[in-house]
PDB file of N, CA and C in Angstrom:
ATOM      1  N   MET A   1     333.500  30.209  42.687  1.00  0.00           N
ATOM      2  CA  MET A   1     332.673  28.896  41.944  1.00  0.00           C
ATOM      3  C   MET A   1     331.647  28.157  42.467  1.00  0.00           C
ATOM      4  N   VAL A   2     332.171  27.486  43.484  1.00  0.00           N
ATOM      5  CA  VAL A   2     330.633  27.027  43.692  1.00  0.00           C
ATOM      6  C   VAL A   2     329.294  28.290  44.195  1.00  0.00           C
ATOM      7  N   GLN A   3     329.440  28.864  44.735  1.00  0.00           N
ATOM      8  CA  GLN A   3     328.333  29.325  44.366  1.00  0.00           C
ATOM      9  C   GLN A   3     327.660  29.876  42.956  1.00  0.00           C
ATOM     10  N   ASN A   4     328.211  30.044  41.672  1.00  0.00           N
ATOM     11  CA  ASN A   4     327.958  29.727  40.421  1.00  0.00           C
ATOM     12  C   ASN A   4     327.314  27.734  39.730  1.00  0.00           C
ATOM     13  N   LYS A   5     327.342  27.107  40.863  1.00  0.00           N
ATOM     14  CA  LYS A   5     327.070  25.566  40.935  1.00  0.00           C
ATOM     15  C   LYS A   5     325.979  25.806  41.069  1.00  0.00           C
ATOM     16  N   ILE A   6     325.867  26.372  42.483  1.00  0.00           N
ATOM     17  CA  ILE A   6     324.482  26.360  43.259  1.00  0.00           C
ATOM     18  C   ILE A   6     323.121  27.311  42.478  1.00  0.00           C
ATOM     19  N   THR A   7     323.634  28.186  41.938  1.00  0.00           N
ATOM     20  CA  THR A   7     323.034  28.641  41.434  1.00  0.00           C
ATOM     21  C   THR A   7     321.940  28.032  39.509  1.00  0.00           C
ATOM     22  N   GLU A   8     323.752  27.250  39.122  1.00  0.00           N
ATOM     23  CA  GLU A   8     323.239  26.733  37.896  1.00  0.00           C
ATOM     24  C   GLU A   8     322.084  25.740  38.175  1.00  0.00           C
ATOM     25  N   ILE A   9     322.539  24.943  39.366  1.00  0.00           N
ATOM     26  CA  ILE A   9     321.472  23.530  40.153  1.00  0.00           C
ATOM     27  C   ILE A   9     319.840  24.281  40.149  1.00  0.00           C
ATOM     28  N   ARG A  10     319.996  25.634  41.080  1.00  0.00           N
ATOM     29  CA  ARG A  10     318.701  25.842  41.386  1.00  0.00           C
ATOM     30  C   ARG A  10     318.342  26.280  40.173  1.00  0.00           C
ATOM     31  N   THR A  11     318.668  27.336  39.526  1.00  0.00           N
ATOM     32  CA  THR A  11     317.671  27.722  38.080  1.00  0.00           C
ATOM     33  C   THR A  11     317.744  26.960  37.316  1.00  0.00           C
ATOM     34  N   LYS A  12     318.753  25.409  36.610  1.00  0.00           N
ATOM     35  CA  LYS A  12     318.044  24.824  35.684  1.00  0.00           C
ATOM     36  C   LYS A  12     317.060  23.380  36.079  1.00  0.00           C
ATOM     37  N   ASN A  13     316.678  23.572  37.750  1.00  0.00           N
ATOM     38  CA  ASN A  13     315.875  22.728  38.124  1.00  0.00           C
ATOM     39  C   ASN A  13     314.586  23.622  38.082  1.00  0.00           C
ATOM     40  N   TYR A  14     314.815  24.664  37.437  1.00  0.00           N
ATOM     41  CA  TYR A  14     313.326  26.075  37.905  1.00  0.00           C
ATOM     42  C   TYR A  14     312.695  25.510  39.442  1.00  0.00           C
ATOM     43  N   LEU A  15     313.865  26.299  40.362  1.00  0.00           N
ATOM     44  CA  LEU A  15     313.076  26.187  41.622  1.00  0.00           C
ATOM     45  C   LEU A  15     313.562  27.728  42.446  1.00  0.00           C
ATOM     46  N   SER A  16     312.906  28.270  42.718  1.00  0.00           N
ATOM     47  CA  SER A  16     313.195  29.725  43.647  1.00  0.00           C
ATOM     48  C   SER A  16     314.278  29.283  44.618  1.00  0.00           C
ATOM     49  N   LYS A  17     314.604  30.760  45.534  1.00  0.00           N
ATOM     50  CA  LYS A  17     315.908  30.234  46.142  1.00  0.00           C
ATOM     51  C   LYS A  17     315.259  29.466  47.444  1.00  0.00           C
ATOM     52  N   THR A  18     313.765  30.377  47.500  1.00  0.00           N
ATOM     53  CA  THR A  18     312.853  30.039  48.815  1.00  0.00           C
ATOM     54  C   THR A  18     312.821  28.270  48.381  1.00  0.00           C
ATOM     55  N   GLU A  19     312.664  27.345  46.993  1.00  0.00           N
ATOM     56  CA  GLU A  19     312.626  26.160  46.953  1.00  0.00           C
ATOM     57  C   GLU A  19     314.070  25.588  47.721  1.00  0.00           C
ATOM     58  N   LEU A  20     314.638  25.802  46.945  1.00  0.00           N
ATOM     59  CA  LEU A  20     316.454  25.390  47.332  1.00  0.00           C
ATOM     60  C   LEU A  20     315.996  25.583  48.783  1.00  0.00           C
ATOM     61  N   ALA A  21     315.399  26.553  49.713  1.00  0.00           N
ATOM     62  CA  ALA A  21     316.357  27.053  50.845  1.00  0.00           C
ATOM     63  C   ALA A  21     314.844  25.566  51.003  1.00  0.00           C
ATOM     64  N   LYS A  22     314.287  25.192  51.119  1.00  0.00           N
ATOM     65  CA  LYS A  22     313.213  23.896  51.542  1.00  0.00           C
ATOM     66  C   LYS A  22     313.941  22.272  51.680  1.00  0.00           C
ATOM     67  N   ILE A  23     314.039  22.401  50.502  1.00  0.00           N
ATOM     68  CA  ILE A  23     315.200  21.530  50.091  1.00  0.00           C
ATOM     69  C   ILE A  23     316.030  21.208  51.087  1.00  0.00           C
ATOM     70  N   CYS A  24     316.898  22.474  51.226  1.00  0.00           N
ATOM     71  CA  CYS A  24     317.949  21.895  51.843  1.00  0.00           C
ATOM     72  C   CYS A  24     317.933  22.375  53.699  1.00  0.00           C
ATOM     73  N   ASP A  25     316.924  22.514  53.801  1.00  0.00           N
ATOM     74  CA  ASP A  25     316.392  23.062  55.371  1.00  0.00           C
ATOM     75  C   ASP A  25     317.172  24.060  55.544  1.00  0.00           C
ATOM     76  N   VAL A  26     316.890  25.078  55.084  1.00  0.00           N
ATOM     77  CA  VAL A  26     317.517  26.223  55.678  1.00  0.00           C
ATOM     78  C   VAL A  26     317.178  27.066  55.123  1.00  0.00           C
ATOM     79  N   THR A  27     317.423  28.879  55.880  1.00  0.00           N
ATOM     80  CA  THR A  27     316.485  29.931  55.408  1.00  0.00           C
ATOM     81  C   THR A  27     317.194  30.674  53.306  1.00  0.00           C
ATOM     82  N   CYS A  28     316.317  30.978  52.924  1.00  0.00           N
ATOM     83  CA  CYS A  28     316.194  31.559  52.122  1.00  0.00           C
ATOM     84  C   CYS A  28     317.614  32.668  51.981  1.00  0.00           C
ATOM     85  N   SER A  29     317.848  33.644  52.739  1.00  0.00           N
ATOM     86  CA  SER A  29     318.945  34.427  53.338  1.00  0.00           C
ATOM     87  C   SER A  29     320.385  33.301  52.657  1.00  0.00           C
ATOM     88  N   THR A  30     320.398  32.139  53.816  1.00  0.00           N
ATOM     89  CA  THR A  30     321.465  31.186  53.454  1.00  0.00           C
ATOM     90  C   THR A  30     321.818  31.056  52.268  1.00  0.00           C
ATOM     91  N   VAL A  31     321.049  30.321  51.227  1.00  0.00           N
ATOM     92  CA  VAL A  31     321.077  30.422  49.528  1.00  0.00           C
ATOM     93  C   VAL A  31     321.201  31.359  49.169  1.00  0.00           C
ATOM     94  N   SER A  32     320.641  32.732  49.213  1.00  0.00           N
ATOM     95  CA  SER A  32     321.199  34.179  48.894  1.00  0.00           C
ATOM     96  C   SER A  32     322.996  34.201  49.175  1.00  0.00           C
ATOM     97  N   MET A  33     323.179  33.867  50.287  1.00  0.00           N
ATOM     98  CA  MET A  33     324.640  34.008  50.621  1.00  0.00           C
ATOM     99  C   MET A  33     325.171  33.052  50.367  1.00  0.00           C
ATOM    100  N   TRP A  34     324.910  31.654  50.083  1.00  0.00           N
ATOM    101  CA  TRP A  34     325.518  30.794  49.167  1.00  0.00           C
ATOM    102  C   TRP A  34     326.072  31.569  47.727  1.00  0.00           C
ATOM    103  N   GLU A  35     324.651  31.996  47.204  1.00  0.00           N
ATOM    104  CA  GLU A  35     324.342  31.813  45.676  1.00  0.00           C
ATOM    105  C   GLU A  35     325.639  33.280  45.506  1.00  0.00           C
ATOM    106  N   GLY A  36     325.879  34.216  46.438  1.00  0.00           N
ATOM    107  CA  GLY A  36     326.463  35.388  46.105  1.00  0.00           C
ATOM    108  C   GLY A  36     327.711  35.354  46.616  1.00  0.00           C
ATOM    109  N   GLY A  37     328.346  34.372  47.829  1.00  0.00           N
ATOM    110  CA  GLY A  37     329.488  34.142  47.770  1.00  0.00           C
ATOM    111  C   GLY A  37     330.357  34.649  49.227  1.00  0.00           C
ATOM    112  N   GLN A  38     328.752  34.566  50.065  1.00  0.00           N
ATOM    113  CA  GLN A  38     329.418  35.477  51.149  1.00  0.00           C
ATOM    114  C   GLN A  38     329.102  34.735  52.296  1.00  0.00           C
ATOM    115  N   ARG A  39     328.983  33.459  52.098  1.00  0.00           N
ATOM    116  CA  ARG A  39     328.776  32.322  52.699  1.00  0.00           C
ATOM    117  C   ARG A  39     329.266  31.070  52.172  1.00  0.00           C
ATOM    118  N   GLY A  40     330.330  30.175  52.536  1.00  0.00           N
ATOM    119  CA  GLY A  40     330.533  28.870  51.977  1.00  0.00           C
ATOM    120  C   GLY A  40     329.790  27.598  52.432  1.00  0.00           C
ATOM    121  N   LEU A  41     329.890  27.083  51.534  1.00  0.00           N
ATOM    122  CA  LEU A  41     328.833  25.733  51.762  1.00  0.00           C
ATOM    123  C   LEU A  41     329.283  24.641  52.783  1.00  0.00           C
ATOM    124  N   ASP A  42     328.797  24.826  53.579  1.00  0.00           N
ATOM    125  CA  ASP A  42     329.563  22.782  54.735  1.00  0.00           C
ATOM    126  C   ASP A  42     329.292  22.079  54.178  1.00  0.00           C
ATOM    127  N   VAL A  43     329.540  20.701  54.110  1.00  0.00           N
ATOM    128  CA  VAL A  43     330.018  19.351  54.167  1.00  0.00           C
ATOM    129  C   VAL A  43     329.248  18.949  54.095  1.00  0.00           C
ATOM    130  N   LYS A  44     327.630  19.125  54.946  1.00  0.00           N
ATOM    131  CA  LYS A  44     326.382  18.631  54.768  1.00  0.00           C
ATOM    132  C   LYS A  44     325.195  18.954  53.376  1.00  0.00           C
ATOM    133  N   HIS A  45     325.361  20.013  53.498  1.00  0.00           N
ATOM    134  CA  HIS A  45     324.835  20.914  52.438  1.00  0.00           C
ATOM    135  C   HIS A  45     325.927  20.356  51.383  1.00  0.00           C
ATOM    136  N   ALA A  46     326.463  20.399  51.250  1.00  0.00           N
ATOM    137  CA  ALA A  46     327.653  20.100  49.526  1.00  0.00           C
ATOM    138  C   ALA A  46     326.802  18.667  49.325  1.00  0.00           C
ATOM    139  N   LYS A  47     327.008  17.418  50.616  1.00  0.00           N
ATOM    140  CA  LYS A  47     326.539  16.501  50.408  1.00  0.00           C
ATOM    141  C   LYS A  47     325.322  15.780  49.649  1.00  0.00           C
ATOM    142  N   LEU A  48     323.975  16.907  50.495  1.00  0.00           N
ATOM    143  CA  LEU A  48     322.690  16.965  49.931  1.00  0.00           C
ATOM    144  C   LEU A  48     322.421  17.001  48.293  1.00  0.00           C
ATOM    145  N   LEU A  49     323.245  18.347  48.444  1.00  0.00           N
ATOM    146  CA  LEU A  49     322.767  18.843  46.653  1.00  0.00           C
ATOM    147  C   LEU A  49     323.491  17.857  46.114  1.00  0.00           C
ATOM    148  N   SER A  50     324.330  17.107  46.242  1.00  0.00           N
ATOM    149  CA  SER A  50     325.073  16.227  45.304  1.00  0.00           C
ATOM    150  C   SER A  50     324.509  15.168  45.258  1.00  0.00           C
ATOM    151  N   LYS A  51     323.836  14.570  46.223  1.00  0.00           N
ATOM    152  CA  LYS A  51     322.755  13.386  45.629  1.00  0.00           C
ATOM    153  C   LYS A  51     321.672  13.533  45.417  1.00  0.00           C
ATOM    154  N   THR A  52     320.582  14.681  46.257  1.00  0.00           N
ATOM    155  CA  THR A  52     319.805  14.987  45.505  1.00  0.00           C
ATOM    156  C   THR A  52     319.554  15.578  43.999  1.00  0.00           C
ATOM    157  N   PHE A  53     320.987  16.412  43.351  1.00  0.00           N
ATOM    158  CA  PHE A  53     320.805  17.338  42.406  1.00  0.00           C
ATOM    159  C   PHE A  53     322.118  15.870  41.146  1.00  0.00           C
ATOM    160  N   GLY A  54     322.295  14.641  41.648  1.00  0.00           N
ATOM    161  CA  GLY A  54     322.958  13.678  40.900  1.00  0.00           C
ATOM    162  C   GLY A  54     324.326  14.859  40.538  1.00  0.00           C
ATOM    163  N   VAL A  55     324.820  15.396  41.072  1.00  0.00           N
ATOM    164  CA  VAL A  55     325.797  15.972  41.045  1.00  0.00           C
ATOM    165  C   VAL A  55     327.016  15.654  41.250  1.00  0.00           C
ATOM    166  N   THR A  56     328.279  15.444  40.809  1.00  0.00           N
ATOM    167  CA  THR A  56     329.420  14.930  41.916  1.00  0.00           C
ATOM    168  C   THR A  56     330.385  15.952  42.992  1.00  0.00           C
ATOM    169  N   LEU A  57     330.579  15.698  44.271  1.00  0.00           N
ATOM    170  CA  LEU A  57     331.202  16.836  44.604  1.00  0.00           C
ATOM    171  C   LEU A  57     331.903  17.869  43.720  1.00  0.00           C
ATOM    172  N   ASP A  58     333.305  16.775  42.834  1.00  0.00           N
ATOM    173  CA  ASP A  58     333.756  17.107  42.356  1.00  0.00           C
ATOM    174  C   ASP A  58     333.384  18.508  40.794  1.00  0.00           C
ATOM    175  N   TRP A  59     332.280  18.186  40.583  1.00  0.00           N
ATOM    176  CA  TRP A  59     331.826  19.492  39.844  1.00  0.00           C
ATOM    177  C   TRP A  59     330.965  20.713  40.841  1.00  0.00           C
ATOM    178  N   LEU A  60     330.682  19.941  41.890  1.00  0.00           N
ATOM    179  CA  LEU A  60     330.250  21.291  42.531  1.00  0.00           C
ATOM    180  C   LEU A  60     331.274  22.271  43.057  1.00  0.00           C
ATOM    181  N   PHE A  61     332.559  21.598  43.339  1.00  0.00           N
ATOM    182  CA  PHE A  61     333.183  22.562  43.417  1.00  0.00           C
ATOM    183  C   PHE A  61     334.133  23.208  42.393  1.00  0.00           C
ATOM    184  N   GLY A  62     334.484  22.882  41.156  1.00  0.00           N
ATOM    185  CA  GLY A  62     334.200  23.192  39.961  1.00  0.00           C
ATOM    186  C   GLY A  62     336.227  22.610  40.214  1.00  0.00           C
ATOM    187  N   LEU A  63     336.306  21.263  40.325  1.00  0.00           N
ATOM    188  CA  LEU A  63     337.728  20.691  40.774  1.00  0.00           C
ATOM    189  C   LEU A  63     338.076  19.381  39.514  1.00  0.00           C
ATOM    190  N   ASP A  64     336.641  19.303  39.087  1.00  0.00           N
ATOM    191  CA  ASP A  64     336.676  18.165  37.633  1.00  0.00           C
ATOM    192  C   ASP A  64     335.911  19.304  36.901  1.00  0.00           C
ATOM    193  N   GLU A  65     336.423  19.855  36.150  1.00  0.00           N
ATOM    194  CA  GLU A  65     334.947  20.365  35.013  1.00  0.00           C
ATOM    195  C   GLU A  65     335.006  19.773  33.566  1.00  0.00           C
ATOM    196  N   ASP A  66     336.572  18.663  33.080  1.00  0.00           N
ATOM    197  CA  ASP A  66     336.538  18.092  31.878  1.00  0.00           C
ATOM    198  C   ASP A  66     335.846  16.258  32.055  1.00  0.00           C
ATOM    199  N   ALA A  67     335.825  16.100  33.383  1.00  0.00           N
ATOM    200  CA  ALA A  67     335.495  14.783  33.975  1.00  0.00           C
ATOM    201  C   ALA A  67     333.857  14.573  32.745  1.00  0.00           C
ATOM    202  N   VAL A  68     333.690  13.442  32.249  1.00  0.00           N
ATOM    203  CA  VAL A  68     332.713  12.628  32.427  1.00  0.00           C
ATOM    204  C   VAL A  68     332.328  11.816  32.788  1.00  0.00           C
ATOM    205  N   GLN A  69     331.383  11.917  33.533  1.00  0.00           N
ATOM    206  CA  GLN A  69     330.787  10.634  34.405  1.00  0.00           C
ATOM    207  C   GLN A  69     329.681   9.893  33.601  1.00  0.00           C
ATOM    208  N   VAL A  70     329.056   8.416  33.714  1.00  0.00           N
ATOM    209  CA  VAL A  70     328.578   7.436  33.514  1.00  0.00           C
ATOM    210  C   VAL A  70     327.762   6.783  34.195  1.00  0.00           C
ATOM    211  N   ARG A  71     326.629   6.445  34.953  1.00  0.00           N
ATOM    212  CA  ARG A  71     326.354   5.859  35.894  1.00  0.00           C
ATOM    213  C   ARG A  71     324.641   5.789  35.829  1.00  0.00           C
ATOM    214  N   VAL A  72     324.913   3.929  35.779  1.00  0.00           N
ATOM    215  CA  VAL A  72     323.879   3.611  35.831  1.00  0.00           C
ATOM    216  C   VAL A  72     323.187   3.291  37.256  1.00  0.00           C
ATOM    217  N   PRO A  73     322.415   3.031  36.791  1.00  0.00           N
ATOM    218  CA  PRO A  73     321.626   2.679  38.765  1.00  0.00           C
ATOM    219  C   PRO A  73     321.238   1.186  38.553  1.00  0.00           C
ATOM    220  N   SER A  74     321.149   0.546  39.370  1.00  0.00           N
ATOM    221  CA  SER A  74     321.291  -0.501  39.475  1.00  0.00           C
ATOM    222  C   SER A  74     319.329  -0.795  39.558  1.00  0.00           C
ATOM    223  N   ASN A  75     319.020  -0.292  40.140  1.00  0.00           N
ATOM    224  CA  ASN A  75     317.515  -0.291  40.576  1.00  0.00           C
ATOM    225  C   ASN A  75     316.996   0.674  39.312  1.00  0.00           C
ATOM    226  N   LYS A  76     317.647   0.743  38.385  1.00  0.00           N
ATOM    227  CA  LYS A  76     317.222   1.858  36.754  1.00  0.00           C
ATOM    228  C   LYS A  76     317.346   0.879  35.693  1.00  0.00           C
ATOM    229  N   LYS A  77     316.494   1.370  35.013  1.00  0.00           N
ATOM    230  CA  LYS A  77     316.793   1.413  33.458  1.00  0.00           C
ATOM    231  C   LYS A  77     317.696   2.535  32.703  1.00  0.00           C
ATOM    232  N   SER A  78     317.886   3.633  33.712  1.00  0.00           N
ATOM    233  CA  SER A  78     318.658   4.819  33.343  1.00  0.00           C
ATOM    234  C   SER A  78     319.960   4.993  33.114  1.00  0.00           C
ATOM    235  N   VAL A  79     320.089   6.069  32.472  1.00  0.00           N
ATOM    236  CA  VAL A  79     322.102   6.407  32.819  1.00  0.00           C
ATOM    237  C   VAL A  79     322.037   8.519  32.817  1.00  0.00           C
ATOM    238  N   THR A  80     322.346   8.571  33.645  1.00  0.00           N
ATOM    239  CA  THR A  80     322.621  10.108  33.834  1.00  0.00           C
ATOM    240  C   THR A  80     324.250  10.452  33.343  1.00  0.00           C
ATOM    241  N   ILE A  81     324.194  10.926  32.545  1.00  0.00           N
ATOM    242  CA  ILE A  81     325.888  11.310  32.329  1.00  0.00           C
ATOM    243  C   ILE A  81     325.872  13.454  32.686  1.00  0.00           C
ATOM    244  N   VAL A  82     327.034  13.233  32.848  1.00  0.00           N
ATOM    245  CA  VAL A  82     327.907  14.152  33.582  1.00  0.00           C
ATOM    246  C   VAL A  82     329.052  14.813  33.006  1.00  0.00           C
ATOM    247  N   GLU A  83     328.879  15.712  31.542  1.00  0.00           N
ATOM    248  CA  GLU A  83     329.794  16.102  30.633  1.00  0.00           C
ATOM    249  C   GLU A  83     330.254  17.650  31.204  1.00  0.00           C
ATOM    250  N   LYS A  84     331.679  18.126  30.816  1.00  0.00           N
ATOM    251  CA  LYS A  84     332.557  19.388  31.093  1.00  0.00           C
ATOM    252  C   LYS A  84     331.811  20.337  31.414  1.00  0.00           C
ATOM    253  N   GLY A  85     331.043  19.795  33.171  1.00  0.00           N
ATOM    254  CA  GLY A  85     330.685  20.739  34.020  1.00  0.00           C
ATOM    255  C   GLY A  85     329.062  21.420  33.688  1.00  0.00           C
ATOM    256  N   GLU A  86     328.310  20.334  33.165  1.00  0.00           N
ATOM    257  CA  GLU A  86     327.164  20.705  32.966  1.00  0.00           C
ATOM    258  C   GLU A  86     325.800  19.752  33.880  1.00  0.00           C
ATOM    259  N   MET A  87     325.492  20.259  33.850  1.00  0.00           N
ATOM    260  CA  MET A  87     323.931  19.465  34.855  1.00  0.00           C
ATOM    261  C   MET A  87     323.634  18.126  34.264  1.00  0.00           C
ATOM    262  N   PRO A  88     323.314  17.764  35.237  1.00  0.00           N
ATOM    263  CA  PRO A  88     323.766  15.734  34.819  1.00  0.00           C
ATOM    264  C   PRO A  88     322.581  15.266  33.897  1.00  0.00           C
ATOM    265  N   LYS A  89     322.332  14.301  32.901  1.00  0.00           N
ATOM    266  CA  LYS A  89     321.385  14.444  31.968  1.00  0.00           C
ATOM    267  C   LYS A  89     320.903  13.394  32.081  1.00  0.00           C
ATOM    268  N   THR A  90     319.305  12.789  32.589  1.00  0.00           N
ATOM    269  CA  THR A  90     319.629  11.555  33.264  1.00  0.00           C
ATOM    270  C   THR A  90     318.224  11.018  31.803  1.00  0.00           C
ATOM    271  N   VAL A  91     318.976  10.191  30.919  1.00  0.00           N
ATOM    272  CA  VAL A  91     318.092   8.869  30.223  1.00  0.00           C
ATOM    273  C   VAL A  91     317.656   7.877  30.640  1.00  0.00           C
ATOM    274  N   VAL A  92     315.835   7.972  30.407  1.00  0.00           N
ATOM    275  CA  VAL A  92     315.399   6.540  30.467  1.00  0.00           C
ATOM    276  C   VAL A  92     316.232   5.558  29.491  1.00  0.00           C
ATOM    277  N   LEU A  93     316.272   4.448  29.104  1.00  0.00           N
ATOM    278  CA  LEU A  93     316.625   3.153  28.214  1.00  0.00           C
ATOM    279  C   LEU A  93     315.598   2.420  27.690  1.00  0.00           C
ATOM    280  N   LYS A  94     315.798   1.552  27.352  1.00  0.00           N
ATOM    281  CA  LYS A  94     314.912   0.450  27.063  1.00  0.00           C
ATOM    282  C   LYS A  94     315.707  -0.439  27.343  1.00  0.00           C
ATOM    283  N   ASP A  95     315.238  -1.683  27.526  1.00  0.00           N
ATOM    284  CA  ASP A  95     315.528  -2.868  28.175  1.00  0.00           C
ATOM    285  C   ASP A  95     317.283  -3.274  27.208  1.00  0.00           C
ATOM    286  N   LYS A  96     317.303  -3.306  25.709  1.00  0.00           N
ATOM    287  CA  LYS A  96     318.456  -3.629  24.954  1.00  0.00           C
ATOM    288  C   LYS A  96     319.281  -2.524  25.471  1.00  0.00           C
ATOM    289  N   GLN A  97     319.098  -1.099  25.325  1.00  0.00           N
ATOM    290  CA  GLN A  97     319.888  -0.604  25.537  1.00  0.00           C
ATOM    291  C   GLN A  97     320.606  -0.707  26.935  1.00  0.00           C
ATOM    292  N   TYR A  98     320.287  -0.446  27.759  1.00  0.00           N
ATOM    293  CA  TYR A  98     320.212  -0.749  28.950  1.00  0.00           C
ATOM    294  C   TYR A  98     321.084  -1.482  28.911  1.00  0.00           C
ATOM    295  N   GLU A  99     321.340  -3.174  29.034  1.00  0.00           N
ATOM    296  CA  GLU A  99     322.196  -4.079  28.361  1.00  0.00           C
ATOM    297  C   GLU A  99     323.436  -3.621  28.477  1.00  0.00           C
ATOM    298  N   GLU A 100     322.889  -3.158  26.845  1.00  0.00           N
ATOM    299  CA  GLU A 100     324.580  -2.886  25.674  1.00  0.00           C
ATOM    300  C   GLU A 100     325.615  -1.874  26.573  1.00  0.00           C
ATOM    301  N   ILE A 101     324.665  -0.579  27.188  1.00  0.00           N
ATOM    302  CA  ILE A 101     325.580   0.064  28.037  1.00  0.00           C
ATOM    303  C   ILE A 101     326.197  -0.267  29.183  1.00  0.00           C
ATOM    304  N   LYS A 102     325.588  -1.205  29.627  1.00  0.00           N
ATOM    305  CA  LYS A 102     325.701  -2.120  31.339  1.00  0.00           C
ATOM    306  C   LYS A 102     326.542  -2.769  30.946  1.00  0.00           C
ATOM    307  N   ALA A 103     327.432  -3.555  30.009  1.00  0.00           N
ATOM    308  CA  ALA A 103     328.003  -4.738  29.033  1.00  0.00           C
ATOM    309  C   ALA A 103     329.517  -3.981  29.188  1.00  0.00           C
ATOM    310  N   ILE A 104     329.067  -2.516  27.930  1.00  0.00           N
ATOM    311  CA  ILE A 104     330.732  -1.712  28.020  1.00  0.00           C
ATOM    312  C   ILE A 104     330.884  -1.793  29.385  1.00  0.00           C
ATOM    313  N   LEU A 105     330.193  -0.719  29.932  1.00  0.00           N
ATOM    314  CA  LEU A 105     331.371  -0.220  31.648  1.00  0.00           C
ATOM    315  C   LEU A 105     331.297  -1.565  32.399  1.00  0.00           C
ATOM    316  N   ASN A 106     330.963  -2.203  32.405  1.00  0.00           N
ATOM    317  CA  ASN A 106     331.345  -3.823  33.012  1.00  0.00           C
ATOM    318  C   ASN A 106     333.156  -4.044  32.298  1.00  0.00           C
ATOM    319  N   LYS A 107     333.376  -4.018  30.622  1.00  0.00           N
ATOM    320  CA  LYS A 107     333.879  -4.516  30.761  1.00  0.00           C
ATOM    321  C   LYS A 107     335.183  -3.321  30.607  1.00  0.00           C
ATOM    322  N   PHE A 108     334.704  -2.272  30.962  1.00  0.00           N
ATOM    323  CA  PHE A 108     336.229  -0.828  31.455  1.00  0.00           C
ATOM    324  C   PHE A 108     336.230  -1.265  33.254  1.00  0.00           C
ATOM    325  N   GLU A 109     335.211  -1.892  33.666  1.00  0.00           N
ATOM    326  CA  GLU A 109     335.214  -2.480  35.694  1.00  0.00           C
ATOM    327  C   GLU A 109     336.488  -3.389  35.461  1.00  0.00           C
ATOM    328  N   SER A 110     336.047  -4.387  34.557  1.00  0.00           N
ATOM    329  CA  SER A 110     336.838  -4.927  34.425  1.00  0.00           C
ATOM    330  C   SER A 110     338.925  -5.346  34.340  1.00  0.00           C
ATOM    331  N   LYS A 111     338.937  -3.676  33.576  1.00  0.00           N
ATOM    332  CA  LYS A 111     340.176  -3.690  33.063  1.00  0.00           C
ATOM    333  C   LYS A 111     340.560  -3.170  34.248  1.00  0.00           C
ATOM    334  N   ASP A 112     340.498  -3.103  35.650  1.00  0.00           N
ATOM    335  CA  ASP A 112     341.390  -2.325  36.330  1.00  0.00           C
ATOM    336  C   ASP A 112     341.813  -3.484  37.103  1.00  0.00           C
TER     337      ASP A 112
END
């Protein structure tokens, strides 16, 4: 499962195996082995892929395919949405849209 996610991350970001290898500071053959399932993905590189490409570790490892995650970064006026195992989609918002979404998310947080 994780090998398919690595391939999806790479291809949806229009990266070659060599380019992804540079990002991860590994060899191209390591990326090939990850994608082919011959080598497991270690924690260090899983975290790097998660952070770099904005995917959750649960998504990367196929643990939560049906999750919907909405994240509003505090320093940007954008929303990143991850839905049903898809690659994240980031949308830049206008000020009013940003404030409306932030208010909705704050309502959810206050219910906990």
